[in-house]
Amino acid sequence: AVDSHMVRQIFQNLTIKQGRKYDDPYSTRYIPDFIRYHKINMDEVADHISSFRNFNEFFYRKLKPGMRTLSSEDSLICVSPADCRLNVFATVE
């Protein structure tokens, strides 16, 4: 069902609608709850929370210089260019 044109169109429309909602200055009210829920370390963020004009600006926030290592000598470490949560499944079944 996910491959159907109708489903893709619904997801696209929802994405556009959500993007517009988070471009609105009123959307800054969602930032504190987002920080708490995702346990974002604000000590790493370059700008103060009050400087963001909308939620989308906060979502692609800049970090202070030196806050994240971009590479590693350890081959078991994978560097992610974005904050995220990893979801995995033991098998495809």
N, C-alpha and C. Protein backbone atom coordinates (compact mmCIF):
# COMPACT_ATOMS: atom_id res chain seq x y z
N ALA A 1 0.82 -1.21 0.00
CA ALA A 1 0.00 0.00 0.00
C ALA A 1 0.85 1.26 0.00
N VAL A 2 2.04 1.20 0.63
CA VAL A 2 2.89 2.39 0.71
C VAL A 2 3.38 2.81 -0.67
N ASP A 3 3.48 1.87 -1.59
CA ASP A 3 3.96 2.19 -2.93
C ASP A 3 2.87 2.80 -3.81
N SER A 4 1.66 2.83 -3.35
CA SER A 4 0.59 3.36 -4.19
C SER A 4 0.70 4.88 -4.31
N HIS A 5 0.28 5.40 -5.45
CA HIS A 5 0.31 6.84 -5.70
C HIS A 5 -0.51 7.59 -4.66
N MET A 6 -1.66 7.06 -4.30
CA MET A 6 -2.55 7.73 -3.35
C MET A 6 -1.86 7.89 -1.98
N VAL A 7 -1.22 6.83 -1.51
CA VAL A 7 -0.55 6.89 -0.21
C VAL A 7 0.61 7.87 -0.27
N ARG A 8 1.41 7.84 -1.33
CA ARG A 8 2.51 8.79 -1.46
C ARG A 8 2.00 10.22 -1.47
N GLN A 9 0.88 10.47 -2.14
CA GLN A 9 0.29 11.80 -2.21
C GLN A 9 -0.17 12.26 -0.82
N ILE A 10 -0.76 11.36 -0.06
CA ILE A 10 -1.20 11.70 1.30
C ILE A 10 0.01 12.09 2.15
N PHE A 11 1.09 11.27 2.11
CA PHE A 11 2.30 11.59 2.88
C PHE A 11 2.90 12.92 2.44
N GLN A 12 2.92 13.17 1.14
CA GLN A 12 3.47 14.43 0.64
C GLN A 12 2.65 15.61 1.15
N ASN A 13 1.34 15.51 1.08
CA ASN A 13 0.48 16.60 1.55
C ASN A 13 0.64 16.84 3.04
N LEU A 14 0.74 15.76 3.83
CA LEU A 14 0.94 15.91 5.27
C LEU A 14 2.29 16.56 5.58
N THR A 15 3.31 16.18 4.83
CA THR A 15 4.64 16.76 5.03
C THR A 15 4.64 18.25 4.74
N ILE A 16 4.02 18.65 3.66
CA ILE A 16 3.92 20.07 3.30
C ILE A 16 3.14 20.84 4.36
N LYS A 17 2.03 20.28 4.81
CA LYS A 17 1.20 20.92 5.84
C LYS A 17 1.99 21.10 7.14
N GLN A 18 2.71 20.04 7.56
CA GLN A 18 3.50 20.11 8.79
C GLN A 18 4.63 21.14 8.65
N GLY A 19 5.27 21.18 7.48
CA GLY A 19 6.33 22.15 7.24
C GLY A 19 5.83 23.59 7.36
N ARG A 20 4.68 23.85 6.82
CA ARG A 20 4.09 25.20 6.92
C ARG A 20 3.75 25.54 8.38
N LYS A 21 3.22 24.56 9.09
CA LYS A 21 2.87 24.76 10.50
C LYS A 21 4.11 25.15 11.29
N TYR A 22 5.24 24.47 11.03
CA TYR A 22 6.47 24.73 11.79
C TYR A 22 7.27 25.91 11.25
N ASP A 23 6.82 26.52 10.17
CA ASP A 23 7.41 27.79 9.71
C ASP A 23 6.75 28.98 10.39
N ASP A 24 5.60 28.76 10.98
CA ASP A 24 4.84 29.82 11.64
C ASP A 24 5.53 30.22 12.95
N PRO A 25 5.67 31.51 13.22
CA PRO A 25 6.30 31.95 14.48
C PRO A 25 5.64 31.36 15.73
N TYR A 26 4.36 31.06 15.67
CA TYR A 26 3.64 30.46 16.80
C TYR A 26 4.21 29.08 17.16
N SER A 27 4.87 28.43 16.22
CA SER A 27 5.39 27.08 16.45
C SER A 27 6.54 27.04 17.45
N THR A 28 7.08 28.18 17.83
CA THR A 28 8.15 28.18 18.84
C THR A 28 7.65 27.58 20.16
N ARG A 29 6.38 27.57 20.37
CA ARG A 29 5.83 27.01 21.62
C ARG A 29 6.07 25.51 21.73
N TYR A 30 6.36 24.84 20.61
CA TYR A 30 6.62 23.40 20.63
C TYR A 30 8.07 23.07 20.99
N ILE A 31 8.95 24.04 20.94
CA ILE A 31 10.37 23.78 21.14
C ILE A 31 10.70 23.23 22.52
N PRO A 32 10.24 23.84 23.62
CA PRO A 32 10.60 23.31 24.95
C PRO A 32 10.19 21.86 25.17
N ASP A 33 8.99 21.48 24.74
CA ASP A 33 8.55 20.09 24.90
C ASP A 33 9.39 19.15 24.04
N PHE A 34 9.75 19.60 22.84
CA PHE A 34 10.59 18.79 21.95
C PHE A 34 11.96 18.56 22.59
N ILE A 35 12.52 19.59 23.21
CA ILE A 35 13.81 19.49 23.90
C ILE A 35 13.73 18.47 25.04
N ARG A 36 12.68 18.58 25.84
CA ARG A 36 12.52 17.65 26.97
C ARG A 36 12.31 16.22 26.49
N TYR A 37 11.42 16.04 25.55
CA TYR A 37 11.08 14.69 25.08
C TYR A 37 12.30 13.99 24.47
N HIS A 38 13.07 14.71 23.68
CA HIS A 38 14.22 14.11 22.99
C HIS A 38 15.52 14.26 23.77
N LYS A 39 15.42 14.86 24.97
CA LYS A 39 16.59 15.02 25.85
C LYS A 39 17.76 15.69 25.12
N ILE A 40 17.46 16.80 24.48
CA ILE A 40 18.46 17.54 23.72
C ILE A 40 19.34 18.32 24.67
N ASN A 41 20.63 18.17 24.53
CA ASN A 41 21.60 18.89 25.36
C ASN A 41 21.76 20.30 24.81
N MET A 42 21.12 21.25 25.43
CA MET A 42 21.14 22.63 24.95
C MET A 42 22.50 23.30 25.17
N ASP A 43 23.37 22.69 25.98
CA ASP A 43 24.72 23.23 26.15
C ASP A 43 25.52 23.12 24.85
N GLU A 44 25.10 22.24 23.95
CA GLU A 44 25.77 22.06 22.66
C GLU A 44 25.29 23.04 21.59
N VAL A 45 24.14 23.64 21.81
CA VAL A 45 23.50 24.48 20.78
C VAL A 45 24.14 25.86 20.76
N ALA A 46 24.45 26.34 19.54
CA ALA A 46 25.15 27.61 19.39
C ALA A 46 24.30 28.81 19.80
N ASP A 47 23.02 28.77 19.49
CA ASP A 47 22.15 29.92 19.74
C ASP A 47 21.19 29.65 20.90
N HIS A 48 20.83 30.71 21.60
CA HIS A 48 19.88 30.59 22.71
C HIS A 48 18.50 30.24 22.15
N ILE A 49 17.74 29.50 22.91
CA ILE A 49 16.41 29.04 22.48
C ILE A 49 15.52 30.21 22.04
N SER A 50 15.68 31.36 22.63
CA SER A 50 14.84 32.51 22.29
C SER A 50 15.17 33.11 20.93
N SER A 51 16.28 32.72 20.33
CA SER A 51 16.67 33.30 19.04
C SER A 51 15.97 32.66 17.84
N PHE A 52 15.35 31.52 18.05
CA PHE A 52 14.71 30.82 16.93
C PHE A 52 13.35 31.44 16.64
N ARG A 53 13.13 31.77 15.37
CA ARG A 53 11.89 32.44 14.96
C ARG A 53 10.74 31.48 14.73
N ASN A 54 11.05 30.19 14.61
CA ASN A 54 10.03 29.16 14.44
C ASN A 54 10.64 27.80 14.75
N PHE A 55 9.80 26.78 14.79
CA PHE A 55 10.27 25.44 15.13
C PHE A 55 11.26 24.92 14.09
N ASN A 56 11.02 25.19 12.81
CA ASN A 56 11.92 24.69 11.78
C ASN A 56 13.33 25.24 11.94
N GLU A 57 13.47 26.49 12.35
CA GLU A 57 14.81 27.04 12.61
C GLU A 57 15.49 26.28 13.74
N PHE A 58 14.74 25.95 14.76
CA PHE A 58 15.32 25.18 15.85
C PHE A 58 15.70 23.79 15.38
N PHE A 59 14.87 23.18 14.54
CA PHE A 59 15.09 21.81 14.10
C PHE A 59 16.42 21.66 13.37
N TYR A 60 16.83 22.67 12.62
CA TYR A 60 18.14 22.58 11.94
C TYR A 60 19.16 23.51 12.61
N ARG A 61 19.13 23.53 13.93
CA ARG A 61 19.99 24.38 14.75
C ARG A 61 21.48 24.08 14.54
N LYS A 62 22.28 25.10 14.75
CA LYS A 62 23.74 24.95 14.68
C LYS A 62 24.27 24.62 16.07
N LEU A 63 25.34 23.84 16.08
CA LEU A 63 25.99 23.50 17.33
C LEU A 63 27.21 24.38 17.54
N LYS A 64 27.63 24.50 18.78
CA LYS A 64 28.85 25.24 19.10
C LYS A 64 30.03 24.53 18.45
N PRO A 65 31.06 25.28 18.05
CA PRO A 65 32.25 24.67 17.45
C PRO A 65 32.86 23.61 18.37
N GLY A 66 33.25 22.49 17.79
CA GLY A 66 33.90 21.43 18.54
C GLY A 66 32.99 20.52 19.32
N MET A 67 31.69 20.69 19.20
CA MET A 67 30.75 19.89 19.99
C MET A 67 30.64 18.45 19.50
N ARG A 68 30.85 18.18 18.24
CA ARG A 68 30.70 16.82 17.70
C ARG A 68 31.95 16.45 16.89
N THR A 69 32.44 15.27 17.13
CA THR A 69 33.56 14.75 16.36
C THR A 69 33.06 14.30 14.99
N LEU A 70 33.75 14.71 13.94
CA LEU A 70 33.31 14.35 12.60
C LEU A 70 33.90 13.04 12.09
N SER A 71 34.92 12.54 12.74
CA SER A 71 35.49 11.26 12.34
C SER A 71 36.08 10.57 13.56
N SER A 72 36.46 9.32 13.38
CA SER A 72 36.98 8.56 14.49
C SER A 72 38.03 7.57 13.99
N GLU A 73 38.99 7.31 14.83
CA GLU A 73 40.01 6.29 14.53
C GLU A 73 39.43 4.89 14.72
N ASP A 74 38.37 4.78 15.52
CA ASP A 74 37.76 3.50 15.84
C ASP A 74 36.82 3.07 14.72
N SER A 75 37.11 1.94 14.08
CA SER A 75 36.29 1.47 12.95
C SER A 75 34.91 0.98 13.38
N LEU A 76 34.68 0.84 14.70
CA LEU A 76 33.37 0.41 15.18
C LEU A 76 32.43 1.58 15.43
N ILE A 77 32.93 2.80 15.22
CA ILE A 77 32.11 3.99 15.44
C ILE A 77 31.63 4.53 14.11
N CYS A 78 30.32 4.78 14.06
CA CYS A 78 29.71 5.38 12.88
C CYS A 78 29.34 6.82 13.23
N VAL A 79 29.80 7.76 12.44
CA VAL A 79 29.50 9.17 12.69
C VAL A 79 28.24 9.54 11.93
N SER A 80 27.28 10.12 12.64
CA SER A 80 26.03 10.55 12.02
C SER A 80 26.04 12.07 11.87
N PRO A 81 25.70 12.57 10.68
CA PRO A 81 25.69 14.02 10.49
C PRO A 81 24.47 14.70 11.11
N ALA A 82 23.59 13.95 11.74
CA ALA A 82 22.38 14.52 12.33
C ALA A 82 22.01 13.75 13.60
N ASP A 83 21.31 14.43 14.49
CA ASP A 83 20.77 13.74 15.66
C ASP A 83 19.65 12.82 15.17
N CYS A 84 19.62 11.64 15.73
CA CYS A 84 18.56 10.72 15.31
C CYS A 84 18.44 9.59 16.32
N ARG A 85 17.43 8.80 16.13
CA ARG A 85 17.26 7.57 16.91
C ARG A 85 17.34 6.42 15.93
N LEU A 86 18.07 5.40 16.29
CA LEU A 86 18.23 4.24 15.44
C LEU A 86 17.15 3.22 15.77
N ASN A 87 16.40 2.82 14.77
CA ASN A 87 15.41 1.76 14.91
C ASN A 87 15.85 0.61 14.03
N VAL A 88 15.98 -0.55 14.63
CA VAL A 88 16.40 -1.72 13.86
C VAL A 88 15.48 -2.89 14.16
N PHE A 89 15.48 -3.83 13.24
CA PHE A 89 14.70 -5.04 13.39
C PHE A 89 15.65 -6.22 13.30
N ALA A 90 15.47 -7.21 14.15
CA ALA A 90 16.36 -8.38 14.17
C ALA A 90 16.31 -9.11 12.83
N THR A 91 15.14 -9.20 12.24
CA THR A 91 15.00 -9.85 10.93
C THR A 91 13.95 -9.08 10.12
N VAL A 92 13.94 -9.31 8.84
CA VAL A 92 12.94 -8.70 8.00
C VAL A 92 11.58 -9.32 8.25
N GLU A 93 11.59 -10.58 8.66
CA GLU A 93 10.34 -11.27 8.93
C GLU A 93 9.59 -10.59 10.07
